[in-house]
C-alpha atoms as a PDB file:
ATOM      1  CA  MET A   1     116.426  22.231  83.551  1.00  0.00           C
ATOM      2  CA  LYS A   2     115.098  25.313  81.791  1.00  0.00           C
ATOM      3  CA  PRO A   3     115.640  28.721  83.434  1.00  0.00           C
ATOM      4  CA  SER A   4     111.858  29.269  83.447  1.00  0.00           C
ATOM      5  CA  ASP A   5     111.511  26.147  85.622  1.00  0.00           C
ATOM      6  CA  LEU A   6     113.633  27.828  88.286  1.00  0.00           C
ATOM      7  CA  LEU A   7     112.350  31.398  88.026  1.00  0.00           C
ATOM      8  CA  THR A   8     109.280  32.585  86.200  1.00  0.00           C
ATOM      9  CA  PRO A   9     107.586  36.005  85.967  1.00  0.00           C
ATOM     10  CA  THR A  10     104.097  36.189  87.449  1.00  0.00           C
ATOM     11  CA  PRO A  11     101.732  39.111  88.187  1.00  0.00           C
ATOM     12  CA  ALA A  12     103.019  39.070  91.780  1.00  0.00           C
ATOM     13  CA  GLY A  13     106.676  39.115  90.703  1.00  0.00           C
ATOM     14  CA  LEU A  14     109.451  36.601  90.054  1.00  0.00           C
ATOM     15  CA  TYR A  15     108.457  33.199  91.421  1.00  0.00           C
ATOM     16  CA  CYS A  16     110.696  30.238  92.213  1.00  0.00           C
ATOM     17  CA  PRO A  17     108.499  27.077  92.030  1.00  0.00           C
ATOM     18  CA  PRO A  18     111.045  24.588  93.495  1.00  0.00           C
ATOM     19  CA  ALA A  19     111.339  26.734  96.641  1.00  0.00           C
ATOM     20  CA  ASP A  20     107.788  28.157  96.560  1.00  0.00           C
ATOM     21  CA  ILE A  21     109.051  31.678  97.156  1.00  0.00           C
ATOM     22  CA  TYR A  22     108.949  35.078  95.414  1.00  0.00           C
ATOM     23  CA  ILE A  23     111.680  37.655  94.850  1.00  0.00           C
ATOM     24  CA  ASP A  24     110.676  41.323  95.348  1.00  0.00           C
ATOM     25  CA  PRO A  25     106.962  40.542  94.998  1.00  0.00           C
ATOM     26  CA  VAL A  26     104.678  43.480  94.280  1.00  0.00           C
ATOM     27  CA  ARG A  27     101.758  41.863  96.100  1.00  0.00           C
ATOM     28  CA  PRO A  28     101.582  40.268  99.568  1.00  0.00           C
ATOM     29  CA  VAL A  29     102.753  36.632  99.398  1.00  0.00           C
ATOM     30  CA  ALA A  30     103.451  33.863 101.900  1.00  0.00           C
ATOM     31  CA  ARG A  31     107.248  33.966 101.505  1.00  0.00           C
ATOM     32  CA  ALA A  32     109.449  36.643  99.967  1.00  0.00           C
ATOM     33  CA  LEU A  33     113.108  37.373  99.295  1.00  0.00           C
ATOM     34  CA  ILE A  34     113.807  41.116  99.197  1.00  0.00           C
ATOM     35  CA  THR A  35     116.771  42.690  97.376  1.00  0.00           C
ATOM     36  CA  HIS A  36     116.675  46.149  99.033  1.00  0.00           C
ATOM     37  CA  GLY A  37     114.556  48.593 100.990  1.00  0.00           C
ATOM     38  CA  HIS A  38     113.066  50.855  98.293  1.00  0.00           C
ATOM     39  CA  SER A  39     109.308  50.520  98.452  1.00  0.00           C
ATOM     40  CA  ASP A  40     108.829  49.408  94.842  1.00  0.00           C
ATOM     41  CA  HIS A  41     110.846  46.285  95.762  1.00  0.00           C
ATOM     42  CA  ALA A  42     110.221  45.992  99.508  1.00  0.00           C
ATOM     43  CA  ARG A  43     106.541  45.935 100.364  1.00  0.00           C
ATOM     44  CA  ALA A  44     104.915  45.121 103.677  1.00  0.00           C
ATOM     45  CA  GLY A  45     102.327  42.433 104.300  1.00  0.00           C
ATOM     46  CA  HIS A  46     104.257  39.264 103.363  1.00  0.00           C
ATOM     47  CA  GLY A  47     103.973  36.232 105.620  1.00  0.00           C
ATOM     48  CA  ALA A  48     107.747  35.790 105.896  1.00  0.00           C
ATOM     49  CA  VAL A  49     110.672  37.862 104.584  1.00  0.00           C
ATOM     50  CA  LEU A  50     114.298  36.885 104.022  1.00  0.00           C
ATOM     51  CA  ALA A  51     116.674  39.789 103.357  1.00  0.00           C
ATOM     52  CA  THR A  52     119.909  41.297 104.591  1.00  0.00           C
ATOM     53  CA  ARG A  53     119.950  42.605 108.143  1.00  0.00           C
ATOM     54  CA  ASP A  54     120.118  46.234 106.968  1.00  0.00           C
ATOM     55  CA  THR A  55     117.210  45.790 104.558  1.00  0.00           C
ATOM     56  CA  LEU A  56     115.059  44.256 107.284  1.00  0.00           C
ATOM     57  CA  ALA A  57     115.895  47.162 109.597  1.00  0.00           C
ATOM     58  CA  ILE A  58     115.052  49.699 106.884  1.00  0.00           C
ATOM     59  CA  MET A  59     111.717  47.986 106.206  1.00  0.00           C
ATOM     60  CA  ALA A  60     110.910  48.127 109.921  1.00  0.00           C
ATOM     61  CA  LEU A  61     111.741  51.847 110.006  1.00  0.00           C
ATOM     62  CA  ARG A  62     109.547  52.603 107.025  1.00  0.00           C
ATOM     63  CA  TYR A  63     106.598  50.277 107.660  1.00  0.00           C
ATOM     64  CA  GLY A  64     106.707  49.553 111.388  1.00  0.00           C
ATOM     65  CA  GLU A  65     107.974  46.510 113.247  1.00  0.00           C
ATOM     66  CA  ALA A  66     104.975  44.409 112.163  1.00  0.00           C
ATOM     67  CA  PHE A  67     105.742  44.748 108.436  1.00  0.00           C
ATOM     68  CA  THR A  68     105.867  40.942 108.105  1.00  0.00           C
ATOM     69  CA  GLY A  69     104.745  37.871 110.011  1.00  0.00           C
ATOM     70  CA  SER A  70     108.317  36.610 110.430  1.00  0.00           C
ATOM     71  CA  GLN A  71     111.740  37.609 109.207  1.00  0.00           C
ATOM     72  CA  GLN A  72     115.168  36.076 108.713  1.00  0.00           C
ATOM     73  CA  ALA A  73     118.427  37.932 108.144  1.00  0.00           C
ATOM     74  CA  ALA A  74     120.825  36.707 105.465  1.00  0.00           C
ATOM     75  CA  SER A  75     124.537  37.393 105.799  1.00  0.00           C
ATOM     76  CA  ALA A  76     126.466  38.482 102.722  1.00  0.00           C
ATOM     77  CA  ARG A  77     127.393  35.516 100.506  1.00  0.00           C
ATOM     78  CA  GLU A  78     125.911  32.989 102.961  1.00  0.00           C
ATOM     79  CA  THR A  79     124.211  30.030 101.257  1.00  0.00           C
ATOM     80  CA  ILE A  80     120.671  29.442 102.476  1.00  0.00           C
ATOM     81  CA  ARG A  81     118.815  26.373 101.230  1.00  0.00           C
ATOM     82  CA  ILE A  82     115.050  26.585 100.792  1.00  0.00           C
ATOM     83  CA  GLY A  83     113.583  23.330  99.583  1.00  0.00           C
ATOM     84  CA  ALA A  84     116.171  22.080  97.117  1.00  0.00           C
ATOM     85  CA  VAL A  85     117.266  25.561  96.009  1.00  0.00           C
ATOM     86  CA  ASP A  86     120.334  27.448  97.228  1.00  0.00           C
ATOM     87  CA  PHE A  87     120.122  31.223  97.647  1.00  0.00           C
ATOM     88  CA  ARG A  88     122.897  33.748  98.317  1.00  0.00           C
ATOM     89  CA  PHE A  89     122.745  37.499  98.932  1.00  0.00           C
ATOM     90  CA  VAL A  90     125.659  39.289  97.233  1.00  0.00           C
ATOM     91  CA  PRO A  91     126.215  43.103  97.448  1.00  0.00           C
ATOM     92  CA  ALA A  92     124.519  45.145  94.720  1.00  0.00           C
ATOM     93  CA  GLY A  93     126.015  48.595  95.432  1.00  0.00           C
ATOM     94  CA  HIS A  94     122.617  50.296  95.205  1.00  0.00           C
ATOM     95  CA  VAL A  95     121.872  51.440  98.783  1.00  0.00           C
ATOM     96  CA  LEU A  96     122.755  50.244 102.275  1.00  0.00           C
ATOM     97  CA  GLY A  97     121.792  46.572 102.602  1.00  0.00           C
ATOM     98  CA  SER A  98     121.064  46.089  98.895  1.00  0.00           C
ATOM     99  CA  ALA A  99     121.853  42.680  97.465  1.00  0.00           C
ATOM    100  CA  GLN A 100     121.689  40.620  94.341  1.00  0.00           C
ATOM    101  CA  ILE A 101     120.054  37.246  94.931  1.00  0.00           C
ATOM    102  CA  VAL A 102     121.884  34.246  93.490  1.00  0.00           C
ATOM    103  CA  VAL A 103     119.560  31.305  92.818  1.00  0.00           C
ATOM    104  CA  GLU A 104     121.091  27.843  92.176  1.00  0.00           C
ATOM    105  CA  HIS A 105     119.414  24.522  91.501  1.00  0.00           C
ATOM    106  CA  LYS A 106     120.503  21.399  89.600  1.00  0.00           C
ATOM    107  CA  GLY A 107     123.563  23.096  88.081  1.00  0.00           C
ATOM    108  CA  LEU A 108     121.687  26.178  86.912  1.00  0.00           C
ATOM    109  CA  ARG A 109     122.567  29.605  88.314  1.00  0.00           C
ATOM    110  CA  ILE A 110     120.378  32.690  87.945  1.00  0.00           C
ATOM    111  CA  VAL A 111     121.338  36.069  89.428  1.00  0.00           C
ATOM    112  CA  VAL A 112     118.570  38.548  90.251  1.00  0.00           C
ATOM    113  CA  SER A 113     120.325  41.900  90.486  1.00  0.00           C
ATOM    114  CA  GLY A 114     117.460  43.996  91.855  1.00  0.00           C
ATOM    115  CA  ASP A 115     118.651  47.588  91.355  1.00  0.00           C
ATOM    116  CA  TYR A 116     122.396  48.161  91.216  1.00  0.00           C
ATOM    117  CA  LYS A 117     125.202  50.540  90.333  1.00  0.00           C
ATOM    118  CA  ARG A 118     128.901  50.118  89.670  1.00  0.00           C
ATOM    119  CA  GLU A 119     130.228  53.521  90.755  1.00  0.00           C
ATOM    120  CA  ARG A 120     131.849  53.780  94.172  1.00  0.00           C
ATOM    121  CA  ASP A 121     129.493  54.712  97.000  1.00  0.00           C
ATOM    122  CA  PRO A 122     130.907  55.489 100.474  1.00  0.00           C
ATOM    123  CA  THR A 123     127.630  54.467 102.132  1.00  0.00           C
ATOM    124  CA  CYS A 124     127.214  50.841 100.976  1.00  0.00           C
ATOM    125  CA  ALA A 125     129.126  47.722  99.930  1.00  0.00           C
ATOM    126  CA  PRO A 126     130.182  47.700  96.255  1.00  0.00           C
ATOM    127  CA  PHE A 127     128.564  45.578  93.545  1.00  0.00           C
ATOM    128  CA  GLU A 128     130.118  42.130  93.133  1.00  0.00           C
ATOM    129  CA  PRO A 129     129.691  40.477  89.724  1.00  0.00           C
ATOM    130  CA  VAL A 130     128.665  36.814  89.885  1.00  0.00           C
ATOM    131  CA  PRO A 131     129.160  34.611  86.788  1.00  0.00           C
ATOM    132  CA  CYS A 132     125.872  32.941  85.922  1.00  0.00           C
ATOM    133  CA  ASP A 133     123.732  31.291  83.272  1.00  0.00           C
ATOM    134  CA  VAL A 134     120.953  33.899  83.407  1.00  0.00           C
ATOM    135  CA  PHE A 135     121.394  37.479  84.598  1.00  0.00           C
ATOM    136  CA  ILE A 136     118.255  39.390  85.551  1.00  0.00           C
ATOM    137  CA  THR A 137     118.953  43.106  85.294  1.00  0.00           C
ATOM    138  CA  GLU A 138     117.188  46.430  85.537  1.00  0.00           C
ATOM    139  CA  ALA A 139     117.474  48.938  82.689  1.00  0.00           C
ATOM    140  CA  THR A 140     116.440  52.209  84.330  1.00  0.00           C
ATOM    141  CA  PHE A 141     119.076  54.081  82.333  1.00  0.00           C
ATOM    142  CA  GLY A 142     119.293  51.643  79.452  1.00  0.00           C
ATOM    143  CA  LEU A 143     119.826  54.182  76.661  1.00  0.00           C
ATOM    144  CA  PRO A 144     123.115  55.558  75.241  1.00  0.00           C
ATOM    145  CA  VAL A 145     122.208  59.106  76.345  1.00  0.00           C
ATOM    146  CA  PHE A 146     122.606  58.036  79.974  1.00  0.00           C
ATOM    147  CA  ARG A 147     126.287  58.135  80.801  1.00  0.00           C
ATOM    148  CA  HIS A 148     126.678  59.365  84.354  1.00  0.00           C
ATOM    149  CA  PRO A 149     129.565  61.702  85.262  1.00  0.00           C
ATOM    150  CA  PRO A 150     131.572  60.944  88.428  1.00  0.00           C
ATOM    151  CA  ALA A 151     129.398  61.624  91.458  1.00  0.00           C
ATOM    152  CA  HIS A 152     132.205  63.396  93.313  1.00  0.00           C
ATOM    153  CA  ALA A 153     132.382  65.930  90.472  1.00  0.00           C
ATOM    154  CA  GLU A 154     128.642  66.628  90.816  1.00  0.00           C
ATOM    155  CA  ALA A 155     129.049  67.123  94.574  1.00  0.00           C
ATOM    156  CA  ALA A 156     131.884  69.561  93.823  1.00  0.00           C
ATOM    157  CA  LYS A 157     129.513  71.432  91.496  1.00  0.00           C
ATOM    158  CA  LEU A 158     127.102  71.864  94.415  1.00  0.00           C
ATOM    159  CA  LEU A 159     129.834  73.184  96.713  1.00  0.00           C
ATOM    160  CA  ASP A 160     131.071  75.562  93.999  1.00  0.00           C
ATOM    161  CA  SER A 161     127.577  77.007  93.815  1.00  0.00           C
ATOM    162  CA  VAL A 162     127.420  77.381  97.619  1.00  0.00           C
ATOM    163  CA  ARG A 163     130.636  79.405  97.517  1.00  0.00           C
ATOM    164  CA  LEU A 164     129.377  81.479  94.598  1.00  0.00           C
ATOM    165  CA  PHE A 165     126.059  82.323  96.277  1.00  0.00           C
ATOM    166  CA  PRO A 166     126.829  82.599 100.017  1.00  0.00           C
ATOM    167  CA  ASP A 167     123.558  84.437 100.770  1.00  0.00           C
ATOM    168  CA  ARG A 168     121.283  81.805  99.233  1.00  0.00           C
ATOM    169  CA  THR A 169     120.072  78.475 100.613  1.00  0.00           C
ATOM    170  CA  HIS A 170     120.757  75.453  98.438  1.00  0.00           C
ATOM    171  CA  ILE A 171     117.778  73.093  98.614  1.00  0.00           C
ATOM    172  CA  VAL A 172     118.683  69.689  97.196  1.00  0.00           C
ATOM    173  CA  GLY A 173     115.990  67.161  96.318  1.00  0.00           C
ATOM    174  CA  ALA A 174     117.334  63.664  96.953  1.00  0.00           C
ATOM    175  CA  TYR A 175     115.469  60.431  97.517  1.00  0.00           C
ATOM    176  CA  SER A 176     115.355  59.820 101.269  1.00  0.00           C
ATOM    177  CA  LEU A 177     116.699  56.249 101.240  1.00  0.00           C
ATOM    178  CA  GLY A 178     120.200  56.009  99.839  1.00  0.00           C
ATOM    179  CA  LYS A 179     120.564  59.067  97.637  1.00  0.00           C
ATOM    180  CA  ALA A 180     120.336  61.620 100.446  1.00  0.00           C
ATOM    181  CA  GLN A 181     122.899  59.812 102.586  1.00  0.00           C
ATOM    182  CA  ARG A 182     125.237  59.221  99.658  1.00  0.00           C
ATOM    183  CA  LEU A 183     125.119  62.928  98.819  1.00  0.00           C
ATOM    184  CA  MET A 184     125.917  63.794 102.443  1.00  0.00           C
ATOM    185  CA  ALA A 185     128.910  61.446 102.404  1.00  0.00           C
ATOM    186  CA  LEU A 186     130.177  62.876  99.106  1.00  0.00           C
ATOM    187  CA  ILE A 187     129.874  66.415 100.474  1.00  0.00           C
ATOM    188  CA  ARG A 188     131.884  65.405 103.543  1.00  0.00           C
ATOM    189  CA  GLU A 189     134.554  63.724 101.424  1.00  0.00           C
ATOM    190  CA  ALA A 190     134.889  67.009  99.511  1.00  0.00           C
ATOM    191  CA  GLY A 191     135.856  68.727 102.769  1.00  0.00           C
ATOM    192  CA  TYR A 192     132.599  70.513 103.655  1.00  0.00           C
ATOM    193  CA  GLU A 193     132.430  70.736 107.462  1.00  0.00           C
ATOM    194  CA  ARG A 194     129.398  72.928 108.140  1.00  0.00           C
ATOM    195  CA  PRO A 195     126.196  71.307 109.424  1.00  0.00           C
ATOM    196  CA  LEU A 196     123.931  69.796 106.796  1.00  0.00           C
ATOM    197  CA  TYR A 197     120.220  70.439 107.213  1.00  0.00           C
ATOM    198  CA  ILE A 198     117.568  67.857 106.425  1.00  0.00           C
ATOM    199  CA  HIS A 199     113.812  67.573 106.043  1.00  0.00           C
ATOM    200  CA  GLY A 200     112.117  65.472 108.730  1.00  0.00           C
ATOM    201  CA  ALA A 201     111.277  62.749 106.185  1.00  0.00           C
ATOM    202  CA  VAL A 202     115.001  62.041 105.792  1.00  0.00           C
ATOM    203  CA  GLU A 203     115.754  61.890 109.517  1.00  0.00           C
ATOM    204  CA  LYS A 204     115.076  58.254 110.487  1.00  0.00           C
ATOM    205  CA  ILE A 205     116.978  56.707 107.604  1.00  0.00           C
ATOM    206  CA  THR A 206     119.884  59.126 108.075  1.00  0.00           C
ATOM    207  CA  GLU A 207     120.107  58.249 111.768  1.00  0.00           C
ATOM    208  CA  PHE A 208     120.113  54.559 110.827  1.00  0.00           C
ATOM    209  CA  TYR A 209     122.994  55.075 108.388  1.00  0.00           C
ATOM    210  CA  GLN A 210     124.937  56.912 111.092  1.00  0.00           C
ATOM    211  CA  ALA A 211     124.237  54.099 113.562  1.00  0.00           C
ATOM    212  CA  GLN A 212     125.871  51.696 111.105  1.00  0.00           C
ATOM    213  CA  GLY A 213     129.080  53.712 111.338  1.00  0.00           C
ATOM    214  CA  ILE A 214     128.725  55.743 108.139  1.00  0.00           C
ATOM    215  CA  PRO A 215     130.273  59.184 108.801  1.00  0.00           C
ATOM    216  CA  LEU A 216     127.891  61.929 107.682  1.00  0.00           C
ATOM    217  CA  GLY A 217     129.069  64.708 109.996  1.00  0.00           C
ATOM    218  CA  GLU A 218     126.751  67.048 111.869  1.00  0.00           C
ATOM    219  CA  ILE A 219     123.158  66.740 110.666  1.00  0.00           C
ATOM    220  CA  ARG A 220     120.432  69.138 111.801  1.00  0.00           C
ATOM    221  CA  LYS A 221     116.729  68.724 111.208  1.00  0.00           C
ATOM    222  CA  VAL A 222     114.793  71.687 109.841  1.00  0.00           C
ATOM    223  CA  GLU A 223     111.935  72.116 112.262  1.00  0.00           C
ATOM    224  CA  PRO A 224     108.373  72.221 110.904  1.00  0.00           C
ATOM    225  CA  SER A 225     106.914  75.655 110.354  1.00  0.00           C
ATOM    226  CA  GLY A 226     105.523  77.122 113.536  1.00  0.00           C
ATOM    227  CA  ARG A 227     107.452  74.833 115.863  1.00  0.00           C
ATOM    228  CA  LYS A 228     110.563  76.952 115.934  1.00  0.00           C
ATOM    229  CA  ALA A 229     111.131  80.569 114.890  1.00  0.00           C
ATOM    230  CA  GLU A 230     114.181  80.145 112.689  1.00  0.00           C
ATOM    231  CA  GLY A 231     113.926  83.234 110.519  1.00  0.00           C
ATOM    232  CA  ARG A 232     114.585  83.299 106.788  1.00  0.00           C
ATOM    233  CA  LYS A 233     118.161  84.500 107.103  1.00  0.00           C
ATOM    234  CA  ALA A 234     119.103  81.591 109.381  1.00  0.00           C
ATOM    235  CA  PHE A 235     119.619  79.296 106.368  1.00  0.00           C
ATOM    236  CA  ALA A 236     121.531  81.696 104.138  1.00  0.00           C
ATOM    237  CA  GLY A 237     124.530  79.884 102.699  1.00  0.00           C
ATOM    238  CA  GLU A 238     123.400  76.486 104.016  1.00  0.00           C
ATOM    239  CA  ILE A 239     122.693  73.168 102.280  1.00  0.00           C
ATOM    240  CA  VAL A 240     119.288  71.632 102.936  1.00  0.00           C
ATOM    241  CA  ILE A 241     118.516  68.087 101.739  1.00  0.00           C
ATOM    242  CA  CYS A 242     114.906  67.006 101.327  1.00  0.00           C
ATOM    243  CA  PRO A 243     112.683  64.584  99.389  1.00  0.00           C
ATOM    244  CA  PRO A 244     112.111  65.888  95.846  1.00  0.00           C
ATOM    245  CA  SER A 245     108.414  66.504  96.524  1.00  0.00           C
ATOM    246  CA  ALA A 246     109.250  68.909  99.383  1.00  0.00           C
ATOM    247  CA  ILE A 247     110.872  71.389  96.993  1.00  0.00           C
ATOM    248  CA  GLN A 248     107.427  72.465  95.796  1.00  0.00           C
ATOM    249  CA  ASP A 249     105.836  72.404  99.272  1.00  0.00           C
ATOM    250  CA  LEU A 250     105.090  75.351 101.531  1.00  0.00           C
ATOM    251  CA  TRP A 251     107.915  73.902 103.635  1.00  0.00           C
ATOM    252  CA  SER A 252     110.492  75.245 101.178  1.00  0.00           C
ATOM    253  CA  ARG A 253     109.257  78.843 101.295  1.00  0.00           C
ATOM    254  CA  ARG A 254     111.072  79.594 104.545  1.00  0.00           C
ATOM    255  CA  PHE A 255     114.440  79.669 102.782  1.00  0.00           C
ATOM    256  CA  PRO A 256     115.932  82.917 101.407  1.00  0.00           C
ATOM    257  CA  ASP A 257     116.122  83.092  97.602  1.00  0.00           C
ATOM    258  CA  PRO A 258     116.890  79.362  97.329  1.00  0.00           C
ATOM    259  CA  VAL A 259     118.978  77.653  94.680  1.00  0.00           C
ATOM    260  CA  THR A 260     116.922  74.588  93.773  1.00  0.00           C
ATOM    261  CA  ALA A 261     118.957  71.462  93.034  1.00  0.00           C
ATOM    262  CA  PHE A 262     117.967  67.882  92.298  1.00  0.00           C
ATOM    263  CA  ALA A 263     120.255  64.827  92.559  1.00  0.00           C
ATOM    264  CA  SER A 264     119.155  62.231  90.022  1.00  0.00           C
ATOM    265  CA  GLY A 265     120.319  60.362  86.958  1.00  0.00           C
ATOM    266  CA  TRP A 266     117.345  61.928  85.192  1.00  0.00           C
ATOM    267  CA  MET A 267     119.071  65.296  85.400  1.00  0.00           C
ATOM    268  CA  ARG A 268     121.042  64.213  82.337  1.00  0.00           C
ATOM    269  CA  VAL A 269     117.866  65.151  80.445  1.00  0.00           C
ATOM    270  CA  ARG A 270     117.759  68.950  80.530  1.00  0.00           C
ATOM    271  CA  ALA A 271     114.066  69.058  79.692  1.00  0.00           C
ATOM    272  CA  ARG A 272     113.341  67.163  82.910  1.00  0.00           C
ATOM    273  CA  ALA A 273     115.361  69.673  84.929  1.00  0.00           C
ATOM    274  CA  ARG A 274     113.501  72.588  83.351  1.00  0.00           C
ATOM    275  CA  GLN A 275     110.151  70.887  83.873  1.00  0.00           C
ATOM    276  CA  LYS A 276     110.873  70.515  87.591  1.00  0.00           C
ATOM    277  CA  GLY A 277     112.168  74.085  87.893  1.00  0.00           C
ATOM    278  CA  VAL A 278     115.636  72.874  88.853  1.00  0.00           C
ATOM    279  CA  GLU A 279     118.284  75.573  88.763  1.00  0.00           C
ATOM    280  CA  LEU A 280     121.197  73.260  89.611  1.00  0.00           C
ATOM    281  CA  PRO A 281     120.825  69.737  88.170  1.00  0.00           C
ATOM    282  CA  LEU A 282     123.130  67.179  89.819  1.00  0.00           C
ATOM    283  CA  ILE A 283     123.558  63.977  87.808  1.00  0.00           C
ATOM    284  CA  ILE A 284     123.965  61.547  90.691  1.00  0.00           C
ATOM    285  CA  SER A 285     122.333  58.162  90.217  1.00  0.00           C
ATOM    286  CA  ASP A 286     122.138  54.965  92.245  1.00  0.00           C
ATOM    287  CA  HIS A 287     121.580  52.926  89.086  1.00  0.00           C
ATOM    288  CA  ALA A 288     123.972  51.602  86.466  1.00  0.00           C
ATOM    289  CA  ASP A 289     124.232  53.785  83.369  1.00  0.00           C
ATOM    290  CA  TRP A 290     124.342  52.562  79.766  1.00  0.00           C
ATOM    291  CA  ASP A 291     128.055  51.735  79.812  1.00  0.00           C
ATOM    292  CA  ASP A 292     127.919  49.960  83.175  1.00  0.00           C
ATOM    293  CA  LEU A 293     124.891  47.909  82.155  1.00  0.00           C
ATOM    294  CA  GLN A 294     126.850  46.653  79.154  1.00  0.00           C
ATOM    295  CA  ALA A 295     130.043  46.080  81.151  1.00  0.00           C
ATOM    296  CA  THR A 296     128.164  44.122  83.813  1.00  0.00           C
ATOM    297  CA  ILE A 297     126.394  41.910  81.293  1.00  0.00           C
ATOM    298  CA  ARG A 298     129.722  41.080  79.649  1.00  0.00           C
ATOM    299  CA  GLU A 299     131.373  40.468  83.022  1.00  0.00           C
ATOM    300  CA  VAL A 300     128.846  37.960  84.365  1.00  0.00           C
ATOM    301  CA  GLN A 301     129.108  35.939  81.116  1.00  0.00           C
ATOM    302  CA  ALA A 302     125.467  34.879  81.065  1.00  0.00           C
ATOM    303  CA  ASN A 303     123.934  33.559  77.857  1.00  0.00           C
ATOM    304  CA  GLU A 304     120.486  34.925  78.690  1.00  0.00           C
ATOM    305  CA  ILE A 305     119.671  38.417  79.959  1.00  0.00           C
ATOM    306  CA  TRP A 306     116.233  39.001  81.462  1.00  0.00           C
ATOM    307  CA  ILE A 307     115.274  42.643  81.945  1.00  0.00           C
ATOM    308  CA  THR A 308     112.826  43.599  84.692  1.00  0.00           C
ATOM    309  CA  HIS A 309     112.053  47.283  84.117  1.00  0.00           C
ATOM    310  CA  GLY A 310     113.264  50.515  82.554  1.00  0.00           C
ATOM    311  CA  GLU A 311     114.424  50.707  78.932  1.00  0.00           C
ATOM    312  CA  ALA A 312     114.041  46.964  78.535  1.00  0.00           C
ATOM    313  CA  GLU A 313     113.516  46.864  74.765  1.00  0.00           C
ATOM    314  CA  ALA A 314     116.617  48.956  74.057  1.00  0.00           C
ATOM    315  CA  LEU A 315     118.845  46.838  76.276  1.00  0.00           C
ATOM    316  CA  ALA A 316     117.398  43.623  74.827  1.00  0.00           C
ATOM    317  CA  HIS A 317     118.188  44.915  71.337  1.00  0.00           C
ATOM    318  CA  TRP A 318     121.787  45.610  72.343  1.00  0.00           C
ATOM    319  CA  CYS A 319     122.053  42.089  73.762  1.00  0.00           C
ATOM    320  CA  GLY A 320     121.049  40.710  70.379  1.00  0.00           C
ATOM    321  CA  THR A 321     123.790  42.712  68.646  1.00  0.00           C
ATOM    322  CA  VAL A 322     126.456  40.999  70.789  1.00  0.00           C
ATOM    323  CA  GLY A 323     125.059  37.496  70.435  1.00  0.00           C
ATOM    324  CA  LEU A 324     123.128  37.255  73.698  1.00  0.00           C
ATOM    325  CA  LYS A 325     119.477  36.440  74.260  1.00  0.00           C
ATOM    326  CA  GLY A 326     117.828  39.505  75.787  1.00  0.00           C
ATOM    327  CA  MET A 327     114.283  39.158  77.081  1.00  0.00           C
ATOM    328  CA  PRO A 328     112.142  41.942  78.579  1.00  0.00           C
ATOM    329  CA  LEU A 329     110.009  40.531  81.394  1.00  0.00           C
ATOM    330  CA  HIS A 330     107.474  43.393  81.396  1.00  0.00           C
ATOM    331  CA  LEU A 331     107.114  43.190  85.171  1.00  0.00           C
ATOM    332  CA  VAL A 332     104.673  45.740  86.572  1.00  0.00           C
ATOM    333  CA  GLY A 333     105.176  47.654  89.807  1.00  0.00           C
ATOM    334  CA  TYR A 334     108.827  48.692  89.790  1.00  0.00           C
ATOM    335  CA  GLY A 335     109.671  52.376  89.524  1.00  0.00           C
ATOM    336  CA  ASP A 336     112.291  53.826  87.243  1.00  0.00           C
ATOM    337  CA  GLU A 337     114.406  55.412  89.931  1.00  0.00           C
ATOM    338  CA  GLY A 338     112.053  56.006  92.815  1.00  0.00           C
ATOM    339  CA  GLU A 339     113.037  59.661  93.024  1.00  0.00           C
ATOM    340  CA  ALA A 340     109.441  60.835  93.178  1.00  0.00           C
ATOM    341  CA  GLU A 341     108.245  57.999  95.390  1.00  0.00           C
ATOM    342  CA  PRO A 342     106.369  59.307  98.446  1.00  0.00           C
ATOM    343  CA  GLU A 343     107.746  58.381 101.822  1.00  0.00           C
ATOM    344  CA  ALA A 344     106.444  55.020 102.929  1.00  0.00           C
ATOM    345  CA  LYS A 345     104.469  55.120 106.168  1.00  0.00           C
ATOM    346  CA  PRO A 346     103.229  52.318 108.422  1.00  0.00           C
ATOM    347  CA  ALA A 347      99.627  53.192 107.503  1.00  0.00           C
ATOM    348  CA  GLU A 348     100.499  52.612 103.837  1.00  0.00           C
ATOM    349  CA  ALA A 349     102.114  49.241 104.469  1.00  0.00           C
ATOM    350  CA  SER A 350     100.615  47.436 101.476  1.00  0.00           C
ATOM    351  CA  ALA A 351     100.657  50.397  99.083  1.00  0.00           C
END
């Protein structure tokens, strides 16, 4: 059996003909397997969705309870047979509920990684490598320039700045699903005990993380302008976490002489930080960097590497240098990191 007989790229996404099901489809389909809750992978409007319990809950929070016709929760590492194909959801280490999808049929095993990282994250289960024949990987940071520093060191950099500028608010742009909560957890692990303030767009997901037993400490929502007279000095010396787009909004003007920070793997590129007007770049990524992409490919021992999105050509070239077959899939619809992705809303369910 050829790998393309088991999984094949289509305009709607990766399709499994023997099971008649798609993985992370970018268009509404009858049946879908979803790796994680970011909206470039998890769209509403499918007839039926199979995903981890946390991913299903996140999709319901973002799109409304009617995001799909029917849903089924997959437990970690549980084998679920659809048609003659066996599927397993194995932790991907990307965000809460994220999973790789292991596809097995007639002795052939393909692993669809979705998005993943290898660095420790206190808010989600760690990545588990699965030996396979074909490994389908992202390549968001698939260039040698992208070597991420330890995330705890970047969180310490933020707290150092808070101590250095006690009269200024530190506004940190962080993607509202996963990155914001990971940053909160890292700040808490560093010993910061003051309340953390958040934009309203981060509230629902943060409350969900807390409900799953993830300790984030005291979280306070910044009230919309006009609803509560907070005063500019009220946030002096505080940390405020918001979606990246909110940094440039009128919303941010209430804070006294803010230090603007941005938590993203893209902050490795100084020109990007300058372009966004970021005073304090924090290189914190929820994706594997160049070294971890290579280490993972070696670890899973696959002969073929299919690359969904990102720096696909560069990673495919590296695969060739180590004797592996690397193949860019040129799939359309997946974001690089999702940092600038607008908050999904029920009214935008199929966007």
